[in-house]
Amino acid sequence: MILVDSSVWIDYFRGIATPQATKLDSLLGIEPLAIGDLILAEVLQGCGAEREFNRVRRSLEAFELVELGGKEVAVQAARNFRTLRALGVTVRKTIDAVIATRCILSEYALLHADRDFDAFAVHLGLRVVSSETKKSGS
């Protein structure tokens, strides 16, 4: 299962062709994708008009919804945050610690465009989906 972060969904819905949004587009209908409940809130709160809100909401309802929190995740996210802080890494947003921790605990891969997740991958085993494309002849 691949959990897609709001950093990717937002660019995707805005039509911004980032490597991650392009990767998302290539995975649609091919790989099982999920959206976290808090990620859903982040994406929807950025919508302008009611029409856009409803269009995006309907689109995202097609994906499995993952509850990101709960006691186990909250406690482990705090541990992960403290571990990274002890290594000299500052995680800027608690929600990113929760998302990364849910992915680690549930063995989901994460498609993201947010540097806060990099430390979770390097130090804590978060699996990330590469958005790099292979060049022909490589």
N, C-alpha and C. Protein backbone atom coordinates (compact mmCIF):
# COMPACT_ATOMS: atom_id res chain seq x y z
N MET A 1 0.84 -1.17 0.00
CA MET A 1 0.00 0.00 0.00
C MET A 1 0.89 1.24 0.00
N ILE A 2 0.49 2.23 -0.76
CA ILE A 2 1.21 3.50 -0.82
C ILE A 2 0.31 4.59 -0.26
N LEU A 3 0.78 5.25 0.77
CA LEU A 3 0.08 6.40 1.33
C LEU A 3 0.61 7.64 0.61
N VAL A 4 -0.29 8.48 0.15
CA VAL A 4 0.10 9.68 -0.59
C VAL A 4 -0.10 10.89 0.31
N ASP A 5 0.96 11.67 0.48
CA ASP A 5 0.92 12.84 1.36
C ASP A 5 0.25 14.02 0.68
N SER A 6 -0.23 14.94 1.50
CA SER A 6 -0.88 16.15 0.99
C SER A 6 0.05 16.97 0.10
N SER A 7 1.34 16.92 0.35
CA SER A 7 2.30 17.66 -0.48
C SER A 7 2.24 17.23 -1.93
N VAL A 8 1.83 16.00 -2.17
CA VAL A 8 1.70 15.49 -3.55
C VAL A 8 0.29 15.75 -4.08
N TRP A 9 -0.73 15.46 -3.26
CA TRP A 9 -2.11 15.65 -3.71
C TRP A 9 -2.37 17.10 -4.11
N ILE A 10 -1.86 18.04 -3.34
CA ILE A 10 -2.11 19.45 -3.61
C ILE A 10 -1.55 19.84 -4.98
N ASP A 11 -0.30 19.45 -5.25
CA ASP A 11 0.27 19.74 -6.57
C ASP A 11 -0.50 19.03 -7.67
N TYR A 12 -0.90 17.80 -7.42
CA TYR A 12 -1.64 17.02 -8.41
C TYR A 12 -2.95 17.73 -8.79
N PHE A 13 -3.72 18.13 -7.79
CA PHE A 13 -5.00 18.78 -8.08
C PHE A 13 -4.85 20.18 -8.67
N ARG A 14 -3.73 20.81 -8.41
CA ARG A 14 -3.47 22.13 -9.00
C ARG A 14 -2.87 22.03 -10.40
N GLY A 15 -2.58 20.80 -10.84
CA GLY A 15 -2.02 20.60 -12.17
C GLY A 15 -0.56 20.99 -12.26
N ILE A 16 0.15 20.96 -11.14
CA ILE A 16 1.58 21.29 -11.12
C ILE A 16 2.36 20.00 -11.36
N ALA A 17 3.12 19.96 -12.43
CA ALA A 17 3.79 18.73 -12.85
C ALA A 17 5.12 18.53 -12.12
N THR A 18 5.04 18.32 -10.81
CA THR A 18 6.24 17.97 -10.05
C THR A 18 6.56 16.50 -10.31
N PRO A 19 7.78 16.07 -10.02
CA PRO A 19 8.09 14.64 -10.18
C PRO A 19 7.15 13.75 -9.36
N GLN A 20 6.78 14.22 -8.16
CA GLN A 20 5.91 13.41 -7.30
C GLN A 20 4.48 13.35 -7.84
N ALA A 21 3.96 14.47 -8.35
CA ALA A 21 2.61 14.48 -8.92
C ALA A 21 2.57 13.62 -10.18
N THR A 22 3.63 13.67 -10.96
CA THR A 22 3.73 12.83 -12.15
C THR A 22 3.77 11.35 -11.76
N LYS A 23 4.51 11.04 -10.69
CA LYS A 23 4.57 9.66 -10.20
C LYS A 23 3.19 9.21 -9.73
N LEU A 24 2.48 10.07 -9.00
CA LEU A 24 1.12 9.75 -8.57
C LEU A 24 0.25 9.43 -9.77
N ASP A 25 0.32 10.26 -10.78
CA ASP A 25 -0.48 10.05 -11.99
C ASP A 25 -0.18 8.69 -12.61
N SER A 26 1.09 8.28 -12.59
CA SER A 26 1.48 6.99 -13.18
C SER A 26 1.03 5.80 -12.33
N LEU A 27 0.79 6.03 -11.04
CA LEU A 27 0.37 4.95 -10.13
C LEU A 27 -1.14 4.75 -10.07
N LEU A 28 -1.90 5.78 -10.46
CA LEU A 28 -3.36 5.70 -10.39
C LEU A 28 -3.89 4.52 -11.20
N GLY A 29 -4.68 3.69 -10.55
CA GLY A 29 -5.26 2.53 -11.21
C GLY A 29 -4.32 1.34 -11.35
N ILE A 30 -3.07 1.51 -10.93
CA ILE A 30 -2.08 0.44 -11.06
C ILE A 30 -1.66 -0.10 -9.70
N GLU A 31 -1.41 0.80 -8.77
CA GLU A 31 -0.97 0.43 -7.42
C GLU A 31 -2.08 0.79 -6.42
N PRO A 32 -2.18 0.03 -5.32
CA PRO A 32 -3.15 0.41 -4.29
C PRO A 32 -2.67 1.66 -3.55
N LEU A 33 -3.49 2.70 -3.58
CA LEU A 33 -3.15 3.97 -2.96
C LEU A 33 -4.10 4.27 -1.81
N ALA A 34 -3.59 5.00 -0.84
CA ALA A 34 -4.41 5.37 0.32
C ALA A 34 -4.17 6.84 0.66
N ILE A 35 -5.12 7.39 1.38
CA ILE A 35 -4.99 8.75 1.90
C ILE A 35 -5.30 8.69 3.39
N GLY A 36 -4.53 9.40 4.18
CA GLY A 36 -4.77 9.46 5.62
C GLY A 36 -5.87 10.45 5.94
N ASP A 37 -6.56 10.21 7.04
CA ASP A 37 -7.65 11.11 7.43
C ASP A 37 -7.17 12.54 7.64
N LEU A 38 -6.02 12.72 8.26
CA LEU A 38 -5.49 14.06 8.47
C LEU A 38 -4.99 14.68 7.16
N ILE A 39 -4.50 13.85 6.27
CA ILE A 39 -4.07 14.31 4.95
C ILE A 39 -5.29 14.79 4.17
N LEU A 40 -6.38 14.04 4.26
CA LEU A 40 -7.63 14.44 3.62
C LEU A 40 -8.05 15.82 4.11
N ALA A 41 -7.97 16.04 5.41
CA ALA A 41 -8.33 17.35 5.97
C ALA A 41 -7.41 18.44 5.43
N GLU A 42 -6.11 18.18 5.36
CA GLU A 42 -5.16 19.17 4.85
C GLU A 42 -5.48 19.55 3.41
N VAL A 43 -5.75 18.54 2.58
CA VAL A 43 -6.03 18.80 1.17
C VAL A 43 -7.34 19.59 1.02
N LEU A 44 -8.38 19.13 1.70
CA LEU A 44 -9.69 19.78 1.55
C LEU A 44 -9.71 21.20 2.11
N GLN A 45 -8.98 21.45 3.17
CA GLN A 45 -9.00 22.81 3.74
C GLN A 45 -8.35 23.82 2.83
N GLY A 46 -7.55 23.35 1.87
CA GLY A 46 -6.91 24.25 0.92
C GLY A 46 -7.78 24.58 -0.29
N CYS A 47 -8.93 23.94 -0.40
CA CYS A 47 -9.81 24.19 -1.54
C CYS A 47 -10.47 25.56 -1.41
N GLY A 48 -10.65 26.23 -2.52
CA GLY A 48 -11.28 27.54 -2.52
C GLY A 48 -12.79 27.45 -2.51
N ALA A 49 -13.36 27.39 -3.68
CA ALA A 49 -14.81 27.38 -3.84
C ALA A 49 -15.40 26.04 -3.42
N GLU A 50 -16.67 26.07 -3.08
CA GLU A 50 -17.40 24.86 -2.67
C GLU A 50 -17.38 23.80 -3.78
N ARG A 51 -17.46 24.26 -5.02
CA ARG A 51 -17.44 23.34 -6.15
C ARG A 51 -16.12 22.57 -6.21
N GLU A 52 -15.02 23.28 -6.01
CA GLU A 52 -13.70 22.63 -5.98
C GLU A 52 -13.61 21.67 -4.81
N PHE A 53 -14.07 22.09 -3.63
CA PHE A 53 -14.08 21.25 -2.44
C PHE A 53 -14.79 19.94 -2.72
N ASN A 54 -15.99 20.01 -3.30
CA ASN A 54 -16.77 18.81 -3.57
C ASN A 54 -16.13 17.93 -4.63
N ARG A 55 -15.53 18.54 -5.65
CA ARG A 55 -14.86 17.76 -6.71
C ARG A 55 -13.67 17.00 -6.13
N VAL A 56 -12.85 17.67 -5.34
CA VAL A 56 -11.68 17.03 -4.75
C VAL A 56 -12.10 15.96 -3.75
N ARG A 57 -13.10 16.26 -2.93
CA ARG A 57 -13.59 15.28 -1.95
C ARG A 57 -14.07 14.01 -2.64
N ARG A 58 -14.86 14.17 -3.70
CA ARG A 58 -15.35 12.99 -4.43
C ARG A 58 -14.19 12.20 -5.04
N SER A 59 -13.21 12.88 -5.57
CA SER A 59 -12.04 12.20 -6.16
C SER A 59 -11.29 11.39 -5.11
N LEU A 60 -11.12 11.96 -3.93
CA LEU A 60 -10.34 11.30 -2.88
C LEU A 60 -11.09 10.17 -2.20
N GLU A 61 -12.41 10.17 -2.30
CA GLU A 61 -13.21 9.09 -1.71
C GLU A 61 -12.97 7.75 -2.40
N ALA A 62 -12.34 7.77 -3.57
CA ALA A 62 -12.05 6.54 -4.30
C ALA A 62 -10.91 5.74 -3.67
N PHE A 63 -10.16 6.38 -2.76
CA PHE A 63 -8.99 5.73 -2.18
C PHE A 63 -9.27 5.26 -0.77
N GLU A 64 -8.53 4.24 -0.36
CA GLU A 64 -8.68 3.73 1.00
C GLU A 64 -8.31 4.84 1.98
N LEU A 65 -9.13 5.00 3.01
CA LEU A 65 -8.87 6.00 4.03
C LEU A 65 -8.19 5.32 5.22
N VAL A 66 -7.05 5.86 5.62
CA VAL A 66 -6.27 5.32 6.72
C VAL A 66 -6.38 6.27 7.91
N GLU A 67 -6.78 5.74 9.06
CA GLU A 67 -6.77 6.54 10.28
C GLU A 67 -5.33 6.62 10.75
N LEU A 68 -4.82 7.82 10.82
CA LEU A 68 -3.40 8.00 11.09
C LEU A 68 -3.05 7.93 12.57
N GLY A 69 -3.93 8.34 13.44
CA GLY A 69 -3.60 8.49 14.84
C GLY A 69 -3.88 7.27 15.70
N GLY A 70 -4.27 7.54 16.91
CA GLY A 70 -4.49 6.50 17.91
C GLY A 70 -3.35 6.50 18.91
N LYS A 71 -3.56 5.83 20.02
CA LYS A 71 -2.59 5.85 21.13
C LYS A 71 -1.23 5.30 20.71
N GLU A 72 -1.22 4.14 20.07
CA GLU A 72 0.05 3.52 19.68
C GLU A 72 0.85 4.42 18.75
N VAL A 73 0.18 4.99 17.77
CA VAL A 73 0.87 5.87 16.83
C VAL A 73 1.34 7.14 17.52
N ALA A 74 0.50 7.71 18.39
CA ALA A 74 0.87 8.94 19.09
C ALA A 74 2.12 8.75 19.94
N VAL A 75 2.16 7.67 20.68
CA VAL A 75 3.32 7.40 21.55
C VAL A 75 4.56 7.14 20.71
N GLN A 76 4.43 6.34 19.68
CA GLN A 76 5.59 6.04 18.84
C GLN A 76 6.04 7.27 18.05
N ALA A 77 5.10 8.11 17.61
CA ALA A 77 5.47 9.33 16.90
C ALA A 77 6.29 10.24 17.81
N ALA A 78 5.90 10.32 19.08
CA ALA A 78 6.68 11.12 20.04
C ALA A 78 8.08 10.52 20.22
N ARG A 79 8.15 9.21 20.29
CA ARG A 79 9.47 8.56 20.40
C ARG A 79 10.33 8.86 19.16
N ASN A 80 9.71 8.73 18.00
CA ASN A 80 10.45 8.99 16.76
C ASN A 80 10.91 10.45 16.69
N PHE A 81 10.04 11.36 17.07
CA PHE A 81 10.38 12.79 17.10
C PHE A 81 11.58 13.03 18.01
N ARG A 82 11.56 12.42 19.20
CA ARG A 82 12.64 12.59 20.17
C ARG A 82 13.93 11.95 19.68
N THR A 83 13.81 10.79 19.03
CA THR A 83 15.00 10.13 18.47
C THR A 83 15.67 11.02 17.43
N LEU A 84 14.87 11.58 16.54
CA LEU A 84 15.43 12.46 15.51
C LEU A 84 16.01 13.73 16.12
N ARG A 85 15.35 14.28 17.11
CA ARG A 85 15.87 15.49 17.78
C ARG A 85 17.22 15.19 18.42
N ALA A 86 17.36 13.99 19.02
CA ALA A 86 18.63 13.60 19.63
C ALA A 86 19.74 13.46 18.58
N LEU A 87 19.34 13.18 17.35
CA LEU A 87 20.30 13.08 16.24
C LEU A 87 20.56 14.45 15.59
N GLY A 88 19.94 15.49 16.14
CA GLY A 88 20.15 16.83 15.60
C GLY A 88 19.20 17.21 14.48
N VAL A 89 18.14 16.42 14.28
CA VAL A 89 17.17 16.68 13.22
C VAL A 89 15.93 17.31 13.83
N THR A 90 15.50 18.41 13.28
CA THR A 90 14.27 19.06 13.74
C THR A 90 13.14 18.75 12.77
N VAL A 91 12.12 18.07 13.25
CA VAL A 91 10.92 17.83 12.46
C VAL A 91 10.01 19.03 12.70
N ARG A 92 9.63 19.70 11.63
CA ARG A 92 8.90 20.97 11.75
C ARG A 92 7.44 20.81 12.13
N LYS A 93 6.83 19.66 11.77
CA LYS A 93 5.39 19.51 12.00
C LYS A 93 5.08 18.17 12.66
N THR A 94 4.31 18.22 13.73
CA THR A 94 3.90 17.00 14.42
C THR A 94 3.14 16.07 13.49
N ILE A 95 2.31 16.64 12.62
CA ILE A 95 1.53 15.79 11.71
C ILE A 95 2.44 14.94 10.83
N ASP A 96 3.60 15.46 10.45
CA ASP A 96 4.54 14.67 9.65
C ASP A 96 5.11 13.51 10.45
N ALA A 97 5.35 13.72 11.73
CA ALA A 97 5.81 12.63 12.59
C ALA A 97 4.74 11.55 12.70
N VAL A 98 3.48 11.95 12.79
CA VAL A 98 2.37 11.00 12.87
C VAL A 98 2.24 10.23 11.55
N ILE A 99 2.29 10.93 10.43
CA ILE A 99 2.17 10.27 9.12
C ILE A 99 3.31 9.27 8.92
N ALA A 100 4.52 9.70 9.16
CA ALA A 100 5.68 8.81 8.98
C ALA A 100 5.59 7.60 9.90
N THR A 101 5.19 7.83 11.13
CA THR A 101 5.10 6.73 12.09
C THR A 101 4.02 5.73 11.70
N ARG A 102 2.85 6.21 11.24
CA ARG A 102 1.80 5.29 10.78
C ARG A 102 2.33 4.44 9.63
N CYS A 103 3.05 5.07 8.71
CA CYS A 103 3.61 4.31 7.58
C CYS A 103 4.61 3.26 8.05
N ILE A 104 5.48 3.63 8.97
CA ILE A 104 6.47 2.68 9.48
C ILE A 104 5.78 1.51 10.18
N LEU A 105 4.83 1.81 11.07
CA LEU A 105 4.14 0.76 11.82
C LEU A 105 3.30 -0.15 10.94
N SER A 106 2.67 0.42 9.92
CA SER A 106 1.78 -0.36 9.05
C SER A 106 2.47 -0.87 7.79
N GLU A 107 3.75 -0.57 7.65
CA GLU A 107 4.56 -0.99 6.50
C GLU A 107 4.01 -0.45 5.18
N TYR A 108 3.52 0.79 5.21
CA TYR A 108 3.11 1.48 4.00
C TYR A 108 4.33 2.20 3.43
N ALA A 109 4.37 2.34 2.13
CA ALA A 109 5.34 3.23 1.50
C ALA A 109 4.69 4.61 1.44
N LEU A 110 5.51 5.65 1.41
CA LEU A 110 4.98 7.02 1.40
C LEU A 110 5.46 7.74 0.15
N LEU A 111 4.52 8.32 -0.57
CA LEU A 111 4.84 9.20 -1.70
C LEU A 111 4.67 10.62 -1.18
N HIS A 112 5.75 11.40 -1.20
CA HIS A 112 5.71 12.73 -0.61
C HIS A 112 6.62 13.69 -1.35
N ALA A 113 6.44 14.97 -1.04
CA ALA A 113 7.32 16.03 -1.55
C ALA A 113 7.63 16.98 -0.40
N ASP A 114 7.96 16.42 0.75
CA ASP A 114 8.18 17.20 1.97
C ASP A 114 9.46 16.71 2.63
N ARG A 115 10.43 17.60 2.75
CA ARG A 115 11.75 17.22 3.27
C ARG A 115 11.71 16.70 4.70
N ASP A 116 10.65 17.00 5.46
CA ASP A 116 10.58 16.50 6.83
C ASP A 116 10.56 14.97 6.89
N PHE A 117 10.13 14.33 5.84
CA PHE A 117 10.08 12.87 5.84
C PHE A 117 11.44 12.22 5.58
N ASP A 118 12.37 12.97 5.03
CA ASP A 118 13.67 12.41 4.68
C ASP A 118 14.38 11.79 5.88
N ALA A 119 14.36 12.45 7.02
CA ALA A 119 15.03 11.93 8.21
C ALA A 119 14.39 10.63 8.69
N PHE A 120 13.08 10.52 8.53
CA PHE A 120 12.40 9.28 8.92
C PHE A 120 12.86 8.12 8.03
N ALA A 121 13.12 8.41 6.77
CA ALA A 121 13.61 7.38 5.85
C ALA A 121 15.05 7.01 6.18
N VAL A 122 15.88 7.99 6.40
CA VAL A 122 17.30 7.74 6.65
C VAL A 122 17.53 7.05 7.99
N HIS A 123 16.85 7.50 9.04
CA HIS A 123 17.16 7.03 10.39
C HIS A 123 16.18 6.03 10.98
N LEU A 124 14.94 5.98 10.47
CA LEU A 124 13.92 5.17 11.13
C LEU A 124 13.25 4.13 10.21
N GLY A 125 13.71 4.03 8.99
CA GLY A 125 13.21 2.97 8.12
C GLY A 125 11.95 3.26 7.35
N LEU A 126 11.53 4.52 7.27
CA LEU A 126 10.36 4.85 6.46
C LEU A 126 10.65 4.50 5.00
N ARG A 127 9.75 3.74 4.39
CA ARG A 127 9.89 3.42 2.96
C ARG A 127 9.22 4.52 2.15
N VAL A 128 9.96 5.07 1.20
CA VAL A 128 9.40 6.12 0.35
C VAL A 128 9.36 5.63 -1.09
N VAL A 129 8.41 6.18 -1.84
CA VAL A 129 8.27 5.87 -3.25
C VAL A 129 9.12 6.86 -4.01
N SER A 130 10.02 6.37 -4.81
CA SER A 130 10.88 7.24 -5.60
C SER A 130 10.08 7.88 -6.73
N SER A 131 10.30 9.15 -6.91
CA SER A 131 9.62 9.86 -7.99
C SER A 131 10.57 10.08 -9.16
N GLU A 132 11.77 9.53 -9.07
CA GLU A 132 12.73 9.67 -10.16
C GLU A 132 12.32 8.82 -11.33
N THR A 133 12.54 9.34 -12.52
CA THR A 133 12.26 8.57 -13.73
C THR A 133 13.58 8.12 -14.32
N LYS A 134 13.58 6.91 -14.84
CA LYS A 134 14.79 6.40 -15.47
C LYS A 134 14.97 7.04 -16.82
N LYS A 135 16.20 7.41 -17.11
CA LYS A 135 16.50 7.97 -18.42
C LYS A 135 16.75 6.83 -19.39
N SER A 136 16.32 7.00 -20.62
CA SER A 136 16.52 5.94 -21.60
C SER A 136 18.01 5.75 -21.81
N GLY A 137 18.41 4.50 -21.90
CA GLY A 137 19.80 4.14 -22.07
C GLY A 137 20.51 3.97 -20.75
N SER A 138 19.82 4.15 -19.62
CA SER A 138 20.46 3.99 -18.30
C SER A 138 20.33 2.58 -17.82
